[in-house]
Each structure stands twice: as structure tokens, then as C-alpha cells.
Full PDB file with SEQRES, HELIX, SHEET, SSBOND, CRYST1, ORIGX, SCALE, CONECT and MASTER records, all heavy atoms in Angstrom:
SEQRES   1 A   40  LEU GLU LEU TYR ASP ASN PRO LEU ASN VAL PHE VAL ALA          
SEQRES   2 A   40  GLY PHE ILE GLY SER PRO ALA MET ASN LEU ILE ASP GLY          
SEQRES   3 A   40  LYS ILE VAL GLU GLY GLY VAL GLN VAL GLY ASP PHE THR          
SEQRES   4 A   40  VAL                                                          
HELIX    1 AA1 GLU A    2  ASP A    5  1                                   4    
HELIX    2 AA2 VAL A   10  PHE A   15  1                                   6    
SHEET    1 AA1 3 LYS A  27  VAL A  29  0                                        
SHEET    2 AA1 3 GLY A  32  VAL A  35 -1                                        
SHEET    3 AA1 3 PHE A  38  THR A  39 -1                                        
CRYST1    1.000    1.000    1.000  90.00  90.00  90.00 P 1           1          
ORIGX1      1.000000  0.000000  0.000000        0.00000                         
ORIGX2      0.000000  1.000000  0.000000        0.00000                         
ORIGX3      0.000000  0.000000  1.000000        0.00000                         
SCALE1      1.000000  0.000000  0.000000        0.00000                         
SCALE2      0.000000  1.000000  0.000000        0.00000                         
SCALE3      0.000000  0.000000  1.000000        0.00000                         
ATOM      1  N   LEU A   1     113.247 156.257 153.325  1.00  0.00           N  
ATOM      2  CA  LEU A   1     112.969 157.085 152.167  1.00  0.00           C  
ATOM      3  C   LEU A   1     111.506 157.472 152.052  1.00  0.00           C  
ATOM      4  O   LEU A   1     111.248 158.679 151.778  1.00  0.00           O  
ATOM      5  CB  LEU A   1     113.425 156.462 150.886  1.00  0.00           C  
ATOM      6  CG  LEU A   1     113.572 157.341 149.619  1.00  0.00           C  
ATOM      7  CD1 LEU A   1     114.529 158.496 149.866  1.00  0.00           C  
ATOM      8  CD2 LEU A   1     113.907 156.487 148.424  1.00  0.00           C  
ATOM      9  N   GLU A   2     110.628 156.553 152.373  1.00  0.00           N  
ATOM     10  CA  GLU A   2     109.231 156.877 152.367  1.00  0.00           C  
ATOM     11  C   GLU A   2     108.848 157.949 153.424  1.00  0.00           C  
ATOM     12  O   GLU A   2     108.117 158.896 153.190  1.00  0.00           O  
ATOM     13  CB  GLU A   2     108.355 155.611 152.611  1.00  0.00           C  
ATOM     14  CG  GLU A   2     106.887 155.823 152.636  1.00  0.00           C  
ATOM     15  CD  GLU A   2     106.271 156.231 151.353  1.00  0.00           C  
ATOM     16  OE1 GLU A   2     106.857 156.156 150.280  1.00  0.00           O  
ATOM     17  OE2 GLU A   2     105.046 156.635 151.360  1.00  0.00           O  
ATOM     18  N   LEU A   3     109.426 157.818 154.569  1.00  0.00           N  
ATOM     19  CA  LEU A   3     109.217 158.862 155.683  1.00  0.00           C  
ATOM     20  C   LEU A   3     109.742 160.184 155.201  1.00  0.00           C  
ATOM     21  O   LEU A   3     109.056 161.179 155.437  1.00  0.00           O  
ATOM     22  CB  LEU A   3     109.933 158.370 156.953  1.00  0.00           C  
ATOM     23  CG  LEU A   3     109.365 157.324 157.815  1.00  0.00           C  
ATOM     24  CD1 LEU A   3     110.178 157.103 159.023  1.00  0.00           C  
ATOM     25  CD2 LEU A   3     107.999 157.714 158.320  1.00  0.00           C  
ATOM     26  N   TYR A   4     110.827 160.176 154.544  1.00  0.00           N  
ATOM     27  CA  TYR A   4     111.496 161.420 154.154  1.00  0.00           C  
ATOM     28  C   TYR A   4     110.676 162.093 153.049  1.00  0.00           C  
ATOM     29  O   TYR A   4     110.392 163.337 153.096  1.00  0.00           O  
ATOM     30  CB  TYR A   4     112.895 161.290 153.630  1.00  0.00           C  
ATOM     31  CG  TYR A   4     113.705 162.471 153.498  1.00  0.00           C  
ATOM     32  CD1 TYR A   4     114.356 162.981 154.597  1.00  0.00           C  
ATOM     33  CD2 TYR A   4     113.864 163.016 152.174  1.00  0.00           C  
ATOM     34  CE1 TYR A   4     115.119 164.179 154.383  1.00  0.00           C  
ATOM     35  CE2 TYR A   4     114.602 164.123 152.095  1.00  0.00           C  
ATOM     36  CZ  TYR A   4     115.255 164.744 153.160  1.00  0.00           C  
ATOM     37  OH  TYR A   4     116.041 165.871 152.975  1.00  0.00           O  
ATOM     38  N   ASP A   5     110.174 161.322 152.034  1.00  0.00           N  
ATOM     39  CA  ASP A   5     109.528 161.844 150.882  1.00  0.00           C  
ATOM     40  C   ASP A   5     108.051 162.091 151.091  1.00  0.00           C  
ATOM     41  O   ASP A   5     107.436 162.981 150.507  1.00  0.00           O  
ATOM     42  CB  ASP A   5     109.649 160.871 149.711  1.00  0.00           C  
ATOM     43  CG  ASP A   5     111.078 160.992 149.101  1.00  0.00           C  
ATOM     44  OD1 ASP A   5     111.815 161.899 149.376  1.00  0.00           O  
ATOM     45  OD2 ASP A   5     111.479 160.008 148.380  1.00  0.00           O  
ATOM     46  N   ASN A   6     107.411 161.241 151.935  1.00  0.00           N  
ATOM     47  CA  ASN A   6     105.966 161.357 152.171  1.00  0.00           C  
ATOM     48  C   ASN A   6     105.505 161.328 153.589  1.00  0.00           C  
ATOM     49  O   ASN A   6     104.774 160.386 154.043  1.00  0.00           O  
ATOM     50  CB  ASN A   6     105.244 160.116 151.385  1.00  0.00           C  
ATOM     51  CG  ASN A   6     105.418 160.344 149.840  1.00  0.00           C  
ATOM     52  OD1 ASN A   6     104.983 161.292 149.289  1.00  0.00           O  
ATOM     53  ND2 ASN A   6     105.968 159.335 149.237  1.00  0.00           N  
ATOM     54  N   PRO A   7     105.923 162.272 154.388  1.00  0.00           N  
ATOM     55  CA  PRO A   7     105.472 162.222 155.750  1.00  0.00           C  
ATOM     56  C   PRO A   7     103.999 162.576 155.921  1.00  0.00           C  
ATOM     57  O   PRO A   7     103.412 163.305 155.113  1.00  0.00           O  
ATOM     58  CB  PRO A   7     106.293 163.509 156.404  1.00  0.00           C  
ATOM     59  CG  PRO A   7     106.516 164.386 155.162  1.00  0.00           C  
ATOM     60  CD  PRO A   7     106.787 163.478 154.037  1.00  0.00           C  
ATOM     61  N   LEU A   8     103.332 161.824 156.772  1.00  0.00           N  
ATOM     62  CA  LEU A   8     101.902 161.890 156.864  1.00  0.00           C  
ATOM     63  C   LEU A   8     101.340 163.026 157.690  1.00  0.00           C  
ATOM     64  O   LEU A   8     100.191 163.416 157.608  1.00  0.00           O  
ATOM     65  CB  LEU A   8     101.416 160.564 157.525  1.00  0.00           C  
ATOM     66  CG  LEU A   8     101.531 159.303 156.683  1.00  0.00           C  
ATOM     67  CD1 LEU A   8     100.881 158.088 157.424  1.00  0.00           C  
ATOM     68  CD2 LEU A   8     100.920 159.484 155.297  1.00  0.00           C  
ATOM     69  N   ASN A   9     102.200 163.651 158.448  1.00  0.00           N  
ATOM     70  CA  ASN A   9     101.789 164.878 159.202  1.00  0.00           C  
ATOM     71  C   ASN A   9     102.934 165.744 159.532  1.00  0.00           C  
ATOM     72  O   ASN A   9     104.160 165.468 159.232  1.00  0.00           O  
ATOM     73  CB  ASN A   9     101.079 164.413 160.498  1.00  0.00           C  
ATOM     74  CG  ASN A   9     101.919 163.506 161.461  1.00  0.00           C  
ATOM     75  OD1 ASN A   9     103.148 163.796 161.591  1.00  0.00           O  
ATOM     76  ND2 ASN A   9     101.398 162.472 161.967  1.00  0.00           N  
ATOM     77  N   VAL A  10     102.663 166.880 160.098  1.00  0.00           N  
ATOM     78  CA  VAL A  10     103.587 167.962 160.397  1.00  0.00           C  
ATOM     79  C   VAL A  10     104.766 167.460 161.397  1.00  0.00           C  
ATOM     80  O   VAL A  10     105.909 167.677 161.167  1.00  0.00           O  
ATOM     81  CB  VAL A  10     102.936 169.214 161.059  1.00  0.00           C  
ATOM     82  CG1 VAL A  10     103.928 170.089 161.536  1.00  0.00           C  
ATOM     83  CG2 VAL A  10     102.104 169.901 159.933  1.00  0.00           C  
ATOM     84  N   PHE A  11     104.352 166.612 162.360  1.00  0.00           N  
ATOM     85  CA  PHE A  11     105.376 166.093 163.275  1.00  0.00           C  
ATOM     86  C   PHE A  11     106.458 165.331 162.600  1.00  0.00           C  
ATOM     87  O   PHE A  11     107.649 165.480 162.751  1.00  0.00           O  
ATOM     88  CB  PHE A  11     104.699 165.325 164.395  1.00  0.00           C  
ATOM     89  CG  PHE A  11     105.715 164.727 165.312  1.00  0.00           C  
ATOM     90  CD1 PHE A  11     106.295 165.520 166.324  1.00  0.00           C  
ATOM     91  CD2 PHE A  11     106.135 163.418 165.282  1.00  0.00           C  
ATOM     92  CE1 PHE A  11     107.255 165.017 167.202  1.00  0.00           C  
ATOM     93  CE2 PHE A  11     107.080 162.878 166.075  1.00  0.00           C  
ATOM     94  CZ  PHE A  11     107.632 163.767 167.043  1.00  0.00           C  
ATOM     95  N   VAL A  12     105.971 164.342 161.784  1.00  0.00           N  
ATOM     96  CA  VAL A  12     106.918 163.451 161.058  1.00  0.00           C  
ATOM     97  C   VAL A  12     107.769 164.304 160.169  1.00  0.00           C  
ATOM     98  O   VAL A  12     108.998 164.133 160.067  1.00  0.00           O  
ATOM     99  CB  VAL A  12     106.194 162.388 160.311  1.00  0.00           C  
ATOM    100  CG1 VAL A  12     107.227 161.516 159.438  1.00  0.00           C  
ATOM    101  CG2 VAL A  12     105.458 161.459 161.298  1.00  0.00           C  
ATOM    102  N   ALA A  13     107.134 165.299 159.385  1.00  0.00           N  
ATOM    103  CA  ALA A  13     107.877 166.081 158.517  1.00  0.00           C  
ATOM    104  C   ALA A  13     109.028 166.879 159.195  1.00  0.00           C  
ATOM    105  O   ALA A  13     110.131 166.969 158.585  1.00  0.00           O  
ATOM    106  CB  ALA A  13     106.887 167.085 157.798  1.00  0.00           C  
ATOM    107  N   GLY A  14     108.739 167.370 160.378  1.00  0.00           N  
ATOM    108  CA  GLY A  14     109.661 168.196 161.150  1.00  0.00           C  
ATOM    109  C   GLY A  14     110.679 167.419 161.825  1.00  0.00           C  
ATOM    110  O   GLY A  14     111.718 167.853 162.112  1.00  0.00           O  
ATOM    111  N   PHE A  15     110.382 166.114 162.155  1.00  0.00           N  
ATOM    112  CA  PHE A  15     111.330 165.305 162.873  1.00  0.00           C  
ATOM    113  C   PHE A  15     112.293 164.573 162.067  1.00  0.00           C  
ATOM    114  O   PHE A  15     113.422 164.456 162.475  1.00  0.00           O  
ATOM    115  CB  PHE A  15     110.508 164.283 163.728  1.00  0.00           C  
ATOM    116  CG  PHE A  15     111.305 163.546 164.810  1.00  0.00           C  
ATOM    117  CD1 PHE A  15     111.616 164.184 165.986  1.00  0.00           C  
ATOM    118  CD2 PHE A  15     111.840 162.377 164.530  1.00  0.00           C  
ATOM    119  CE1 PHE A  15     112.441 163.559 166.941  1.00  0.00           C  
ATOM    120  CE2 PHE A  15     112.655 161.656 165.495  1.00  0.00           C  
ATOM    121  CZ  PHE A  15     112.879 162.313 166.664  1.00  0.00           C  
ATOM    122  N   ILE A  16     111.855 164.125 160.828  1.00  0.00           N  
ATOM    123  CA  ILE A  16     112.717 163.353 160.024  1.00  0.00           C  
ATOM    124  C   ILE A  16     113.407 164.299 159.041  1.00  0.00           C  
ATOM    125  O   ILE A  16     112.808 165.027 158.285  1.00  0.00           O  
ATOM    126  CB  ILE A  16     111.899 162.238 159.277  1.00  0.00           C  
ATOM    127  CG1 ILE A  16     111.297 161.268 160.219  1.00  0.00           C  
ATOM    128  CG2 ILE A  16     112.735 161.592 158.215  1.00  0.00           C  
ATOM    129  CD1 ILE A  16     112.235 160.456 160.986  1.00  0.00           C  
ATOM    130  N   GLY A  17     114.746 164.207 159.033  1.00  0.00           N  
ATOM    131  CA  GLY A  17     115.584 164.995 158.185  1.00  0.00           C  
ATOM    132  C   GLY A  17     116.456 165.953 158.925  1.00  0.00           C  
ATOM    133  O   GLY A  17     116.078 166.449 160.024  1.00  0.00           O  
ATOM    134  N   SER A  18     117.657 166.137 158.472  1.00  0.00           N  
ATOM    135  CA  SER A  18     118.636 166.999 159.132  1.00  0.00           C  
ATOM    136  C   SER A  18     119.423 167.746 158.063  1.00  0.00           C  
ATOM    137  O   SER A  18     120.157 167.201 157.297  1.00  0.00           O  
ATOM    138  CB  SER A  18     119.597 166.214 160.028  1.00  0.00           C  
ATOM    139  OG  SER A  18     120.483 167.037 160.737  1.00  0.00           O  
ATOM    140  N   PRO A  19     119.315 169.144 158.120  1.00  0.00           N  
ATOM    141  CA  PRO A  19     118.386 169.978 158.862  1.00  0.00           C  
ATOM    142  C   PRO A  19     116.925 169.642 158.566  1.00  0.00           C  
ATOM    143  O   PRO A  19     116.665 169.012 157.585  1.00  0.00           O  
ATOM    144  CB  PRO A  19     118.688 171.341 158.300  1.00  0.00           C  
ATOM    145  CG  PRO A  19     119.990 171.316 157.629  1.00  0.00           C  
ATOM    146  CD  PRO A  19     120.143 169.915 157.111  1.00  0.00           C  
ATOM    147  N   ALA A  20     116.118 170.019 159.405  1.00  0.00           N  
ATOM    148  CA  ALA A  20     114.703 169.661 159.350  1.00  0.00           C  
ATOM    149  C   ALA A  20     113.983 170.376 158.232  1.00  0.00           C  
ATOM    150  O   ALA A  20     114.443 171.397 157.708  1.00  0.00           O  
ATOM    151  CB  ALA A  20     114.019 170.028 160.699  1.00  0.00           C  
ATOM    152  N   MET A  21     112.911 169.874 157.792  1.00  0.00           N  
ATOM    153  CA  MET A  21     112.062 170.446 156.780  1.00  0.00           C  
ATOM    154  C   MET A  21     111.585 171.874 157.244  1.00  0.00           C  
ATOM    155  O   MET A  21     111.262 172.030 158.419  1.00  0.00           O  
ATOM    156  CB  MET A  21     110.812 169.574 156.517  1.00  0.00           C  
ATOM    157  CG  MET A  21     109.899 170.158 155.447  1.00  0.00           C  
ATOM    158  SD  MET A  21     108.335 169.207 155.228  1.00  0.00           S  
ATOM    159  CE  MET A  21     108.960 167.768 154.362  1.00  0.00           C  
ATOM    160  N   ASN A  22     111.569 172.801 156.395  1.00  0.00           N  
ATOM    161  CA  ASN A  22     111.053 174.125 156.684  1.00  0.00           C  
ATOM    162  C   ASN A  22     109.517 174.006 156.640  1.00  0.00           C  
ATOM    163  O   ASN A  22     108.914 173.585 155.708  1.00  0.00           O  
ATOM    164  CB  ASN A  22     111.493 175.119 155.544  1.00  0.00           C  
ATOM    165  CG  ASN A  22     112.959 175.354 155.669  1.00  0.00           C  
ATOM    166  OD1 ASN A  22     113.499 176.023 156.526  1.00  0.00           O  
ATOM    167  ND2 ASN A  22     113.667 174.787 154.582  1.00  0.00           N  
ATOM    168  N   LEU A  23     108.897 174.378 157.797  1.00  0.00           N  
ATOM    169  CA  LEU A  23     107.379 174.410 157.841  1.00  0.00           C  
ATOM    170  C   LEU A  23     106.955 175.836 158.135  1.00  0.00           C  
ATOM    171  O   LEU A  23     107.203 176.527 159.129  1.00  0.00           O  
ATOM    172  CB  LEU A  23     106.943 173.578 159.100  1.00  0.00           C  
ATOM    173  CG  LEU A  23     107.335 172.071 158.917  1.00  0.00           C  
ATOM    174  CD1 LEU A  23     107.171 171.238 160.275  1.00  0.00           C  
ATOM    175  CD2 LEU A  23     106.531 171.413 157.819  1.00  0.00           C  
ATOM    176  N   ILE A  24     106.286 176.387 157.028  1.00  0.00           N  
ATOM    177  CA  ILE A  24     105.996 177.834 156.994  1.00  0.00           C  
ATOM    178  C   ILE A  24     104.461 177.955 156.832  1.00  0.00           C  
ATOM    179  O   ILE A  24     103.867 177.397 155.890  1.00  0.00           O  
ATOM    180  CB  ILE A  24     106.736 178.518 155.917  1.00  0.00           C  
ATOM    181  CG1 ILE A  24     108.143 178.213 155.881  1.00  0.00           C  
ATOM    182  CG2 ILE A  24     106.494 179.994 156.008  1.00  0.00           C  
ATOM    183  CD1 ILE A  24     108.888 178.493 154.516  1.00  0.00           C  
ATOM    184  N   ASP A  25     103.897 178.849 157.746  1.00  0.00           N  
ATOM    185  CA  ASP A  25     102.334 179.019 157.597  1.00  0.00           C  
ATOM    186  C   ASP A  25     102.151 180.147 156.544  1.00  0.00           C  
ATOM    187  O   ASP A  25     102.869 181.101 156.444  1.00  0.00           O  
ATOM    188  CB  ASP A  25     101.777 179.481 158.977  1.00  0.00           C  
ATOM    189  CG  ASP A  25     101.866 178.338 159.991  1.00  0.00           C  
ATOM    190  OD1 ASP A  25     101.959 177.131 159.562  1.00  0.00           O  
ATOM    191  OD2 ASP A  25     101.792 178.645 161.218  1.00  0.00           O  
ATOM    192  N   GLY A  26     101.067 179.978 155.750  1.00  0.00           N  
ATOM    193  CA  GLY A  26     100.673 180.966 154.827  1.00  0.00           C  
ATOM    194  C   GLY A  26      99.218 180.981 154.543  1.00  0.00           C  
ATOM    195  O   GLY A  26      98.485 180.008 154.888  1.00  0.00           O  
ATOM    196  N   LYS A  27      98.784 182.049 153.965  1.00  0.00           N  
ATOM    197  CA  LYS A  27      97.296 182.193 153.629  1.00  0.00           C  
ATOM    198  C   LYS A  27      96.981 181.660 152.254  1.00  0.00           C  
ATOM    199  O   LYS A  27      97.694 181.787 151.245  1.00  0.00           O  
ATOM    200  CB  LYS A  27      96.973 183.774 153.650  1.00  0.00           C  
ATOM    201  CG  LYS A  27      95.571 184.097 153.449  1.00  0.00           C  
ATOM    202  CD  LYS A  27      95.353 185.562 153.486  1.00  0.00           C  
ATOM    203  CE  LYS A  27      93.856 185.996 153.291  1.00  0.00           C  
ATOM    204  NZ  LYS A  27      93.689 187.377 153.252  1.00  0.00           N  
ATOM    205  N   ILE A  28      95.839 181.005 152.133  1.00  0.00           N  
ATOM    206  CA  ILE A  28      95.372 180.420 150.894  1.00  0.00           C  
ATOM    207  C   ILE A  28      94.948 181.534 149.978  1.00  0.00           C  
ATOM    208  O   ILE A  28      94.151 182.367 150.326  1.00  0.00           O  
ATOM    209  CB  ILE A  28      94.181 179.440 151.163  1.00  0.00           C  
ATOM    210  CG1 ILE A  28      94.602 178.251 151.993  1.00  0.00           C  
ATOM    211  CG2 ILE A  28      93.650 178.909 149.758  1.00  0.00           C  
ATOM    212  CD1 ILE A  28      93.553 177.232 152.259  1.00  0.00           C  
ATOM    213  N   VAL A  29      95.570 181.594 148.768  1.00  0.00           N  
ATOM    214  CA  VAL A  29      95.105 182.553 147.745  1.00  0.00           C  
ATOM    215  C   VAL A  29      94.962 181.812 146.398  1.00  0.00           C  
ATOM    216  O   VAL A  29      95.200 180.611 146.327  1.00  0.00           O  
ATOM    217  CB  VAL A  29      96.213 183.645 147.642  1.00  0.00           C  
ATOM    218  CG1 VAL A  29      96.321 184.424 148.940  1.00  0.00           C  
ATOM    219  CG2 VAL A  29      97.588 183.046 147.263  1.00  0.00           C  
ATOM    220  N   GLU A  30      94.570 182.534 145.414  1.00  0.00           N  
ATOM    221  CA  GLU A  30      94.441 181.973 144.082  1.00  0.00           C  
ATOM    222  C   GLU A  30      95.720 181.411 143.597  1.00  0.00           C  
ATOM    223  O   GLU A  30      96.712 182.172 143.499  1.00  0.00           O  
ATOM    224  CB  GLU A  30      93.954 183.037 143.145  1.00  0.00           C  
ATOM    225  CG  GLU A  30      93.695 182.546 141.679  1.00  0.00           C  
ATOM    226  CD  GLU A  30      92.553 181.458 141.613  1.00  0.00           C  
ATOM    227  OE1 GLU A  30      91.659 181.512 142.431  1.00  0.00           O  
ATOM    228  OE2 GLU A  30      92.676 180.612 140.698  1.00  0.00           O  
ATOM    229  N   GLY A  31      95.824 180.133 143.332  1.00  0.00           N  
ATOM    230  CA  GLY A  31      97.031 179.547 142.769  1.00  0.00           C  
ATOM    231  C   GLY A  31      97.939 178.910 143.801  1.00  0.00           C  
ATOM    232  O   GLY A  31      98.937 178.322 143.319  1.00  0.00           O  
ATOM    233  N   GLY A  32      97.697 179.113 145.057  1.00  0.00           N  
ATOM    234  CA  GLY A  32      98.638 178.582 146.086  1.00  0.00           C  
ATOM    235  C   GLY A  32      98.511 179.134 147.424  1.00  0.00           C  
ATOM    236  O   GLY A  32      97.318 179.479 147.925  1.00  0.00           O  
ATOM    237  N   VAL A  33      99.648 179.238 148.174  1.00  0.00           N  
ATOM    238  CA  VAL A  33      99.656 179.712 149.486  1.00  0.00           C  
ATOM    239  C   VAL A  33     100.575 180.826 149.594  1.00  0.00           C  
ATOM    240  O   VAL A  33     101.745 180.720 149.208  1.00  0.00           O  
ATOM    241  CB  VAL A  33     100.045 178.556 150.500  1.00  0.00           C  
ATOM    242  CG1 VAL A  33     100.185 179.145 151.892  1.00  0.00           C  
ATOM    243  CG2 VAL A  33      99.014 177.412 150.400  1.00  0.00           C  
ATOM    244  N   GLN A  34     100.150 182.030 150.097  1.00  0.00           N  
ATOM    245  CA  GLN A  34     100.940 183.210 150.171  1.00  0.00           C  
ATOM    246  C   GLN A  34     101.836 183.205 151.389  1.00  0.00           C  
ATOM    247  O   GLN A  34     101.323 183.142 152.491  1.00  0.00           O  
ATOM    248  CB  GLN A  34     100.077 184.458 150.050  1.00  0.00           C  
ATOM    249  CG  GLN A  34     100.907 185.725 149.973  1.00  0.00           C  
ATOM    250  CD  GLN A  34     100.039 186.925 149.799  1.00  0.00           C  
ATOM    251  OE1 GLN A  34      98.986 186.866 149.436  1.00  0.00           O  
ATOM    252  NE2 GLN A  34     100.708 188.144 150.011  1.00  0.00           N  
ATOM    253  N   VAL A  35     103.156 183.285 151.146  1.00  0.00           N  
ATOM    254  CA  VAL A  35     104.112 183.384 152.250  1.00  0.00           C  
ATOM    255  C   VAL A  35     104.943 184.609 152.022  1.00  0.00           C  
ATOM    256  O   VAL A  35     105.665 184.755 151.016  1.00  0.00           O  
ATOM    257  CB  VAL A  35     105.068 182.152 152.280  1.00  0.00           C  
ATOM    258  CG1 VAL A  35     106.177 182.347 153.399  1.00  0.00           C  
ATOM    259  CG2 VAL A  35     104.221 180.916 152.479  1.00  0.00           C  
ATOM    260  N   GLY A  36     104.735 185.620 152.882  1.00  0.00           N  
ATOM    261  CA  GLY A  36     105.462 186.934 152.580  1.00  0.00           C  
ATOM    262  C   GLY A  36     104.874 187.568 151.424  1.00  0.00           C  
ATOM    263  O   GLY A  36     103.616 187.581 151.320  1.00  0.00           O  
ATOM    264  N   ASP A  37     105.621 187.947 150.477  1.00  0.00           N  
ATOM    265  CA  ASP A  37     105.158 188.629 149.238  1.00  0.00           C  
ATOM    266  C   ASP A  37     105.213 187.594 148.098  1.00  0.00           C  
ATOM    267  O   ASP A  37     105.052 188.042 146.965  1.00  0.00           O  
ATOM    268  CB  ASP A  37     105.981 189.899 148.946  1.00  0.00           C  
ATOM    269  CG  ASP A  37     107.466 189.553 148.758  1.00  0.00           C  
ATOM    270  OD1 ASP A  37     107.794 188.374 148.846  1.00  0.00           O  
ATOM    271  OD2 ASP A  37     108.193 190.482 148.475  1.00  0.00           O  
ATOM    272  N   PHE A  38     105.300 186.366 148.352  1.00  0.00           N  
ATOM    273  CA  PHE A  38     105.442 185.330 147.285  1.00  0.00           C  
ATOM    274  C   PHE A  38     104.294 184.299 147.495  1.00  0.00           C  
ATOM    275  O   PHE A  38     103.999 183.866 148.548  1.00  0.00           O  
ATOM    276  CB  PHE A  38     106.784 184.642 147.440  1.00  0.00           C  
ATOM    277  CG  PHE A  38     106.918 183.519 146.372  1.00  0.00           C  
ATOM    278  CD1 PHE A  38     107.013 183.833 145.016  1.00  0.00           C  
ATOM    279  CD2 PHE A  38     107.026 182.280 146.728  1.00  0.00           C  
ATOM    280  CE1 PHE A  38     107.238 182.819 144.001  1.00  0.00           C  
ATOM    281  CE2 PHE A  38     107.235 181.271 145.831  1.00  0.00           C  
ATOM    282  CZ  PHE A  38     107.284 181.550 144.470  1.00  0.00           C  
ATOM    283  N   THR A  39     103.680 183.857 146.371  1.00  0.00           N  
ATOM    284  CA  THR A  39     102.761 182.812 146.371  1.00  0.00           C  
ATOM    285  C   THR A  39     103.386 181.483 146.025  1.00  0.00           C  
ATOM    286  O   THR A  39     103.888 181.360 144.846  1.00  0.00           O  
ATOM    287  CB  THR A  39     101.586 183.003 145.414  1.00  0.00           C  
ATOM    288  OG1 THR A  39     100.928 184.272 145.734  1.00  0.00           O  
ATOM    289  CG2 THR A  39     100.568 181.945 145.449  1.00  0.00           C  
ATOM    290  N   VAL A  40     103.471 180.618 147.040  1.00  0.00           N  
ATOM    291  CA  VAL A  40     104.038 179.214 146.753  1.00  0.00           C  
ATOM    292  C   VAL A  40     103.024 178.481 145.915  1.00  0.00           C  
ATOM    293  O   VAL A  40     101.849 178.359 146.378  1.00  0.00           O  
ATOM    294  CB  VAL A  40     104.318 178.491 148.139  1.00  0.00           C  
ATOM    295  CG1 VAL A  40     104.822 177.071 147.874  1.00  0.00           C  
ATOM    296  CG2 VAL A  40     105.308 179.320 148.904  1.00  0.00           C  
TER     297      VAL A  40                                                      
MASTER        0    0    0    2    3    0    0    6  296    1    0    4          
END                                                                             
């Protein structure tokens, strides 16, 4: 459960879980990270 909830890096995050965690790159903007036309 700790691995699933608190992965320490991108590899663990993408490896643990089925289907895998979505890993999406985005640009830092005011209030969060912009992915497409939405700010996470």
C-alpha cells in the first residue's frame, strides 16, 4: 500500500499498479502544472 500511495520516483509510480499510473508532462504555471488547456 505504501508503494502504491507514495512512490518515491517515476519508475516505481509507473511500475506499481494495474493499469499503471498516468504520468503526464506539463509546464509549471501559476497555481499548478498546465496539461493541455487545463491547469492541474
